[in-house]
C-alpha atoms as a PDB file:
ATOM      1  CA  UNK A   1     -86.709  18.586 -37.008  1.00  0.00           C
ATOM      2  CA  UNK A   2     -88.608  18.218 -33.773  1.00  0.00           C
ATOM      3  CA  UNK A   3     -86.770  17.467 -30.544  1.00  0.00           C
ATOM      4  CA  UNK A   4     -87.643  14.110 -29.007  1.00  0.00           C
ATOM      5  CA  UNK A   5     -89.380  14.529 -25.694  1.00  0.00           C
ATOM      6  CA  UNK A   6     -88.368  12.864 -22.425  1.00  0.00           C
ATOM      7  CA  UNK A   7     -91.689  12.315 -20.575  1.00  0.00           C
ATOM      8  CA  UNK A   8     -91.285  12.388 -16.774  1.00  0.00           C
ATOM      9  CA  UNK A   9     -94.184  11.301 -14.555  1.00  0.00           C
ATOM     10  CA  UNK A  10     -94.188  12.080 -10.819  1.00  0.00           C
ATOM     11  CA  UNK A  11     -96.772  10.206  -8.731  1.00  0.00           C
ATOM     12  CA  UNK A  12     -97.312  11.751  -5.295  1.00  0.00           C
ATOM     13  CA  UNK A  13     -99.139  10.296  -2.325  1.00  0.00           C
ATOM     14  CA  UNK A  14    -101.454  13.015  -0.979  1.00  0.00           C
ATOM     15  CA  UNK A  15    -103.366  10.790   1.486  1.00  0.00           C
ATOM     16  CA  UNK A  16    -104.371  12.118   4.920  1.00  0.00           C
ATOM     17  CA  UNK A  17    -101.115  11.013   6.574  1.00  0.00           C
ATOM     18  CA  UNK A  18     -99.172  13.407   4.308  1.00  0.00           C
ATOM     19  CA  UNK A  19    -101.033  16.401   5.756  1.00  0.00           C
ATOM     20  CA  UNK A  20     -99.008  19.128   7.471  1.00  0.00           C
ATOM     21  CA  UNK A  21     -95.207  19.214   7.277  1.00  0.00           C
ATOM     22  CA  UNK A  22     -94.804  16.293   4.827  1.00  0.00           C
ATOM     23  CA  UNK A  23     -96.946  17.790   2.048  1.00  0.00           C
ATOM     24  CA  UNK A  24     -95.457  21.237   2.695  1.00  0.00           C
ATOM     25  CA  UNK A  25     -91.970  19.731   2.328  1.00  0.00           C
ATOM     26  CA  UNK A  26     -93.041  17.999  -0.893  1.00  0.00           C
ATOM     27  CA  UNK A  27     -94.149  21.361  -2.332  1.00  0.00           C
ATOM     28  CA  UNK A  28     -90.838  22.968  -1.392  1.00  0.00           C
ATOM     29  CA  UNK A  29     -88.900  20.051  -2.903  1.00  0.00           C
ATOM     30  CA  UNK A  30     -90.907  20.107  -6.144  1.00  0.00           C
ATOM     31  CA  UNK A  31     -90.265  23.812  -6.687  1.00  0.00           C
ATOM     32  CA  UNK A  32     -86.537  23.367  -5.983  1.00  0.00           C
ATOM     33  CA  UNK A  33     -86.458  20.479  -8.483  1.00  0.00           C
ATOM     34  CA  UNK A  34     -88.156  22.613 -11.151  1.00  0.00           C
ATOM     35  CA  UNK A  35     -85.749  25.509 -10.766  1.00  0.00           C
ATOM     36  CA  UNK A  36     -82.776  23.145 -10.856  1.00  0.00           C
ATOM     37  CA  UNK A  37     -83.989  21.391 -14.028  1.00  0.00           C
ATOM     38  CA  UNK A  38     -84.703  24.706 -15.729  1.00  0.00           C
ATOM     39  CA  UNK A  39     -81.006  25.569 -15.417  1.00  0.00           C
ATOM     40  CA  UNK A  40     -80.096  22.446 -17.386  1.00  0.00           C
ATOM     41  CA  UNK A  41     -80.107  23.051 -21.162  1.00  0.00           C
ATOM     42  CA  UNK A  42     -80.631  19.364 -22.035  1.00  0.00           C
ATOM     43  CA  UNK A  43     -83.570  19.071 -19.647  1.00  0.00           C
ATOM     44  CA  UNK A  44     -85.075  22.338 -20.836  1.00  0.00           C
ATOM     45  CA  UNK A  45     -84.949  21.096 -24.404  1.00  0.00           C
ATOM     46  CA  UNK A  46     -86.485  17.648 -23.914  1.00  0.00           C
ATOM     47  CA  UNK A  47     -88.211  17.156 -20.538  1.00  0.00           C
ATOM     48  CA  UNK A  48     -92.018  17.161 -20.379  1.00  0.00           C
ATOM     49  CA  UNK A  49     -93.377  16.799 -16.863  1.00  0.00           C
ATOM     50  CA  UNK A  50     -96.631  15.351 -15.537  1.00  0.00           C
ATOM     51  CA  UNK A  51     -97.776  15.051 -11.907  1.00  0.00           C
ATOM     52  CA  UNK A  52    -100.392  12.564 -10.707  1.00  0.00           C
ATOM     53  CA  UNK A  53    -101.603  12.784  -7.100  1.00  0.00           C
ATOM     54  CA  UNK A  54    -103.424  10.017  -5.273  1.00  0.00           C
ATOM     55  CA  UNK A  55    -105.407   9.674  -2.047  1.00  0.00           C
ATOM     56  CA  UNK A  56    -109.012   8.396  -2.100  1.00  0.00           C
ATOM     57  CA  UNK A  57    -108.792   8.844  -5.885  1.00  0.00           C
ATOM     58  CA  UNK A  58    -106.088   9.442  -8.470  1.00  0.00           C
ATOM     59  CA  UNK A  59    -106.041  12.678 -10.443  1.00  0.00           C
ATOM     60  CA  UNK A  60    -103.874  14.248 -13.096  1.00  0.00           C
ATOM     61  CA  UNK A  61    -102.622  17.309 -11.247  1.00  0.00           C
ATOM     62  CA  UNK A  62    -100.442  18.422 -14.161  1.00  0.00           C
ATOM     63  CA  UNK A  63    -100.888  17.008 -17.681  1.00  0.00           C
ATOM     64  CA  UNK A  64     -97.695  16.313 -19.659  1.00  0.00           C
ATOM     65  CA  UNK A  65     -96.268  19.829 -20.092  1.00  0.00           C
ATOM     66  CA  UNK A  66     -92.972  21.183 -21.502  1.00  0.00           C
ATOM     67  CA  UNK A  67     -90.612  21.999 -18.625  1.00  0.00           C
ATOM     68  CA  UNK A  68     -90.447  25.720 -19.399  1.00  0.00           C
ATOM     69  CA  UNK A  69     -94.265  25.988 -19.264  1.00  0.00           C
ATOM     70  CA  UNK A  70     -94.851  24.065 -16.017  1.00  0.00           C
ATOM     71  CA  UNK A  71     -96.807  26.034 -13.392  1.00  0.00           C
ATOM     72  CA  UNK A  72     -97.394  24.294 -10.059  1.00  0.00           C
ATOM     73  CA  UNK A  73     -99.653  25.642  -7.341  1.00  0.00           C
ATOM     74  CA  UNK A  74     -99.791  24.323  -3.775  1.00  0.00           C
ATOM     75  CA  UNK A  75    -100.435  20.570  -3.633  1.00  0.00           C
ATOM     76  CA  UNK A  76    -102.608  19.752  -0.609  1.00  0.00           C
ATOM     77  CA  UNK A  77    -103.562  16.648   1.357  1.00  0.00           C
ATOM     78  CA  UNK A  78    -107.047  15.953   2.822  1.00  0.00           C
ATOM     79  CA  UNK A  79    -107.698  15.508   6.566  1.00  0.00           C
ATOM     80  CA  UNK A  80    -107.876  11.762   6.234  1.00  0.00           C
ATOM     81  CA  UNK A  81    -108.164   9.173   3.557  1.00  0.00           C
ATOM     82  CA  UNK A  82    -106.927   6.122   1.777  1.00  0.00           C
ATOM     83  CA  UNK A  83    -103.959   5.580  -0.543  1.00  0.00           C
ATOM     84  CA  UNK A  84    -105.250   4.488  -3.937  1.00  0.00           C
ATOM     85  CA  UNK A  85    -101.878   3.724  -5.475  1.00  0.00           C
ATOM     86  CA  UNK A  86    -103.299   1.166  -7.899  1.00  0.00           C
ATOM     87  CA  UNK A  87    -105.648   3.835  -9.272  1.00  0.00           C
ATOM     88  CA  UNK A  88    -102.622   6.150  -9.698  1.00  0.00           C
ATOM     89  CA  UNK A  89    -100.783   3.504 -11.751  1.00  0.00           C
ATOM     90  CA  UNK A  90    -103.912   2.869 -13.854  1.00  0.00           C
ATOM     91  CA  UNK A  91    -104.181   6.597 -14.585  1.00  0.00           C
ATOM     92  CA  UNK A  92    -100.462   6.722 -15.418  1.00  0.00           C
ATOM     93  CA  UNK A  93    -100.818   3.830 -17.897  1.00  0.00           C
ATOM     94  CA  UNK A  94    -103.795   5.528 -19.601  1.00  0.00           C
ATOM     95  CA  UNK A  95    -101.873   8.800 -19.920  1.00  0.00           C
ATOM     96  CA  UNK A  96     -98.690   7.143 -21.171  1.00  0.00           C
ATOM     97  CA  UNK A  97    -100.682   5.209 -23.778  1.00  0.00           C
ATOM     98  CA  UNK A  98    -102.421   8.414 -24.848  1.00  0.00           C
ATOM     99  CA  UNK A  99     -99.605  10.971 -24.687  1.00  0.00           C
ATOM    100  CA  UNK A 100     -96.266   9.290 -25.339  1.00  0.00           C
ATOM    101  CA  UNK A 101     -95.385   9.182 -29.039  1.00  0.00           C
ATOM    102  CA  UNK A 102     -94.208   5.800 -30.242  1.00  0.00           C
ATOM    103  CA  UNK A 103     -91.465   5.350 -32.799  1.00  0.00           C
ATOM    104  CA  UNK A 104     -92.813   4.394 -36.211  1.00  0.00           C
ATOM    105  CA  UNK A 105     -91.055   3.438 -39.443  1.00  0.00           C
ATOM    106  CA  UNK A 106     -90.167   6.986 -40.446  1.00  0.00           C
ATOM    107  CA  UNK A 107     -90.374   9.051 -37.257  1.00  0.00           C
ATOM    108  CA  UNK A 108     -88.666   8.668 -33.930  1.00  0.00           C
ATOM    109  CA  UNK A 109     -91.059   8.775 -30.992  1.00  0.00           C
ATOM    110  CA  UNK A 110     -90.431  10.092 -27.490  1.00  0.00           C
ATOM    111  CA  UNK A 111     -87.732   8.714 -25.228  1.00  0.00           C
ATOM    112  CA  UNK A 112     -88.817   6.000 -22.799  1.00  0.00           C
ATOM    113  CA  UNK A 113     -90.685   7.710 -19.940  1.00  0.00           C
ATOM    114  CA  UNK A 114     -89.261   8.046 -16.430  1.00  0.00           C
ATOM    115  CA  UNK A 115     -91.588   7.407 -13.487  1.00  0.00           C
ATOM    116  CA  UNK A 116     -91.026   8.571  -9.898  1.00  0.00           C
ATOM    117  CA  UNK A 117     -93.501   7.406  -7.260  1.00  0.00           C
ATOM    118  CA  UNK A 118     -93.473   8.596  -3.664  1.00  0.00           C
ATOM    119  CA  UNK A 119     -95.656   7.230  -0.859  1.00  0.00           C
ATOM    120  CA  UNK A 120     -95.677   7.232   2.938  1.00  0.00           C
ATOM    121  CA  UNK A 121     -97.941   4.175   3.180  1.00  0.00           C
ATOM    122  CA  UNK A 122     -99.072   1.154   1.217  1.00  0.00           C
ATOM    123  CA  UNK A 123    -101.742   0.715  -1.467  1.00  0.00           C
ATOM    124  CA  UNK A 124    -105.316   0.654  -0.099  1.00  0.00           C
ATOM    125  CA  UNK A 125    -106.363  -0.926  -3.412  1.00  0.00           C
ATOM    126  CA  UNK A 126    -103.854  -3.774  -3.369  1.00  0.00           C
ATOM    127  CA  UNK A 127    -105.601  -5.914  -6.009  1.00  0.00           C
ATOM    128  CA  UNK A 128    -105.757  -3.003  -8.478  1.00  0.00           C
ATOM    129  CA  UNK A 129    -102.132  -2.186  -7.633  1.00  0.00           C
ATOM    130  CA  UNK A 130    -100.976  -5.720  -8.434  1.00  0.00           C
ATOM    131  CA  UNK A 131    -102.979  -5.771 -11.682  1.00  0.00           C
ATOM    132  CA  UNK A 132    -101.525  -2.402 -12.680  1.00  0.00           C
ATOM    133  CA  UNK A 133     -97.972  -3.694 -12.096  1.00  0.00           C
ATOM    134  CA  UNK A 134     -98.554  -6.337 -14.796  1.00  0.00           C
ATOM    135  CA  UNK A 135     -99.571  -3.554 -17.195  1.00  0.00           C
ATOM    136  CA  UNK A 136     -96.605  -1.387 -16.132  1.00  0.00           C
ATOM    137  CA  UNK A 137     -94.184  -4.211 -16.931  1.00  0.00           C
ATOM    138  CA  UNK A 138     -95.742  -4.530 -20.395  1.00  0.00           C
ATOM    139  CA  UNK A 139     -94.765  -0.898 -21.116  1.00  0.00           C
ATOM    140  CA  UNK A 140     -91.243   0.111 -21.941  1.00  0.00           C
ATOM    141  CA  UNK A 141     -90.355   2.625 -19.210  1.00  0.00           C
ATOM    142  CA  UNK A 142     -86.846   4.075 -19.140  1.00  0.00           C
ATOM    143  CA  UNK A 143     -86.761   3.836 -15.341  1.00  0.00           C
ATOM    144  CA  UNK A 144     -89.258   3.466 -12.505  1.00  0.00           C
ATOM    145  CA  UNK A 145     -88.146   4.780  -9.164  1.00  0.00           C
ATOM    146  CA  UNK A 146     -90.185   4.384  -5.981  1.00  0.00           C
ATOM    147  CA  UNK A 147     -89.644   6.152  -2.674  1.00  0.00           C
ATOM    148  CA  UNK A 148     -90.974   4.827   0.638  1.00  0.00           C
ATOM    149  CA  UNK A 149     -91.137   7.887   2.920  1.00  0.00           C
ATOM    150  CA  UNK A 150     -91.325   7.570   6.681  1.00  0.00           C
ATOM    151  CA  UNK A 151     -91.773   4.617   9.048  1.00  0.00           C
ATOM    152  CA  UNK A 152     -95.157   3.380   7.770  1.00  0.00           C
ATOM    153  CA  UNK A 153     -94.262   3.071   4.087  1.00  0.00           C
ATOM    154  CA  UNK A 154     -94.208  -0.544   2.907  1.00  0.00           C
ATOM    155  CA  UNK A 155     -91.175  -1.262   0.764  1.00  0.00           C
ATOM    156  CA  UNK A 156     -92.231  -4.752  -0.277  1.00  0.00           C
ATOM    157  CA  UNK A 157     -95.158  -3.528  -2.418  1.00  0.00           C
ATOM    158  CA  UNK A 158     -92.892  -1.024  -4.163  1.00  0.00           C
ATOM    159  CA  UNK A 159     -90.314  -3.741  -4.803  1.00  0.00           C
ATOM    160  CA  UNK A 160     -92.918  -5.636  -6.836  1.00  0.00           C
ATOM    161  CA  UNK A 161     -93.145  -2.555  -9.065  1.00  0.00           C
ATOM    162  CA  UNK A 162     -89.454  -1.783  -9.512  1.00  0.00           C
ATOM    163  CA  UNK A 163     -85.924  -2.743  -8.451  1.00  0.00           C
ATOM    164  CA  UNK A 164     -85.195   0.934  -7.779  1.00  0.00           C
ATOM    165  CA  UNK A 165     -86.674   1.528  -4.319  1.00  0.00           C
ATOM    166  CA  UNK A 166     -85.338   4.102  -1.882  1.00  0.00           C
ATOM    167  CA  UNK A 167     -86.386   4.940   1.667  1.00  0.00           C
ATOM    168  CA  UNK A 168     -86.570   8.218   3.548  1.00  0.00           C
ATOM    169  CA  UNK A 169     -86.424   7.742   7.317  1.00  0.00           C
ATOM    170  CA  UNK A 170     -87.621  11.246   8.073  1.00  0.00           C
ATOM    171  CA  UNK A 171     -90.483  13.145   6.483  1.00  0.00           C
ATOM    172  CA  UNK A 172     -89.103  16.639   6.895  1.00  0.00           C
ATOM    173  CA  UNK A 173     -87.989  19.279   4.425  1.00  0.00           C
ATOM    174  CA  UNK A 174     -84.359  18.040   4.345  1.00  0.00           C
ATOM    175  CA  UNK A 175     -85.390  14.480   3.477  1.00  0.00           C
ATOM    176  CA  UNK A 176     -87.885  15.449   0.779  1.00  0.00           C
ATOM    177  CA  UNK A 177     -85.565  18.035  -0.733  1.00  0.00           C
ATOM    178  CA  UNK A 178     -82.881  15.315  -0.891  1.00  0.00           C
ATOM    179  CA  UNK A 179     -85.337  13.078  -2.727  1.00  0.00           C
ATOM    180  CA  UNK A 180     -86.321  15.752  -5.268  1.00  0.00           C
ATOM    181  CA  UNK A 181     -82.649  16.684  -5.777  1.00  0.00           C
ATOM    182  CA  UNK A 182     -82.048  13.073  -6.679  1.00  0.00           C
ATOM    183  CA  UNK A 183     -85.065  13.060  -9.009  1.00  0.00           C
ATOM    184  CA  UNK A 184     -83.764  16.159 -10.755  1.00  0.00           C
ATOM    185  CA  UNK A 185     -80.252  14.666 -11.061  1.00  0.00           C
ATOM    186  CA  UNK A 186     -81.782  11.481 -12.512  1.00  0.00           C
ATOM    187  CA  UNK A 187     -83.887  13.464 -14.984  1.00  0.00           C
ATOM    188  CA  UNK A 188     -80.902  15.609 -15.968  1.00  0.00           C
ATOM    189  CA  UNK A 189     -78.814  12.481 -16.640  1.00  0.00           C
ATOM    190  CA  UNK A 190     -81.760  10.983 -18.496  1.00  0.00           C
ATOM    191  CA  UNK A 191     -82.162  14.016 -20.713  1.00  0.00           C
ATOM    192  CA  UNK A 192     -78.465  14.130 -21.634  1.00  0.00           C
ATOM    193  CA  UNK A 193     -77.908  10.355 -21.968  1.00  0.00           C
ATOM    194  CA  UNK A 194     -81.213   9.113 -23.402  1.00  0.00           C
ATOM    195  CA  UNK A 195     -79.925   9.453 -26.928  1.00  0.00           C
ATOM    196  CA  UNK A 196     -76.635   7.754 -26.202  1.00  0.00           C
ATOM    197  CA  UNK A 197     -77.547   4.441 -24.663  1.00  0.00           C
ATOM    198  CA  UNK A 198     -81.323   4.279 -24.555  1.00  0.00           C
ATOM    199  CA  UNK A 199     -81.063   3.198 -20.934  1.00  0.00           C
ATOM    200  CA  UNK A 200     -80.534   5.461 -17.960  1.00  0.00           C
ATOM    201  CA  UNK A 201     -78.128   4.850 -15.110  1.00  0.00           C
ATOM    202  CA  UNK A 202     -79.374   6.577 -11.991  1.00  0.00           C
ATOM    203  CA  UNK A 203     -76.968   8.732  -9.981  1.00  0.00           C
ATOM    204  CA  UNK A 204     -76.108   7.643  -6.422  1.00  0.00           C
ATOM    205  CA  UNK A 205     -78.703   9.000  -3.970  1.00  0.00           C
ATOM    206  CA  UNK A 206     -77.855  11.786  -1.482  1.00  0.00           C
ATOM    207  CA  UNK A 207     -77.170  10.854   2.172  1.00  0.00           C
ATOM    208  CA  UNK A 208     -80.791  11.391   3.343  1.00  0.00           C
ATOM    209  CA  UNK A 209     -81.903   8.550   1.067  1.00  0.00           C
ATOM    210  CA  UNK A 210     -81.212   4.822   1.442  1.00  0.00           C
ATOM    211  CA  UNK A 211     -81.275   2.525  -1.536  1.00  0.00           C
ATOM    212  CA  UNK A 212     -83.135  -0.719  -0.776  1.00  0.00           C
ATOM    213  CA  UNK A 213     -81.038  -3.567  -2.108  1.00  0.00           C
END
């Protein structure tokens, strides 16, 4: 019998404003998250991870990969550039439609995917972003969590996408590592509880992170 997968998609803003310490801190946080999840037997059994980065375009940095096979190099940010968040959501929808197995009459498909989106700005392609939100709501995601990092991130756009919006005041290693710790705790809970309730209750965020209510 095959284990049902828990697809986890991480969408990372790599626009010009993330250059320097922020993107370095994101890399550190991602690696810490990976090592933490790999110590969790439930996560190791079910989690498949994908990373999509977005700046002047959206790209699939890591296709959906079993947790124990994930290899991540250094994610970089260009000198300058826009934040094509709508394009990132469009790419996510295409990949989810292609890669996530649906439940059919005789076989159980994957668990409902978890999506984590982090940005330090607002969508440069606002029309595409709003159109993509309609498509996102038509899909059955287990949870969508958006993080507005730093003073220029616009929470109101993220709140159109999901009720789960958090803010990071700082954009240093402590703040980003707090965010990725929370992501890994959420994924770990998701991987152990997905079969029980079908819905995922997110753990309370660490002190560096504020929940937008």
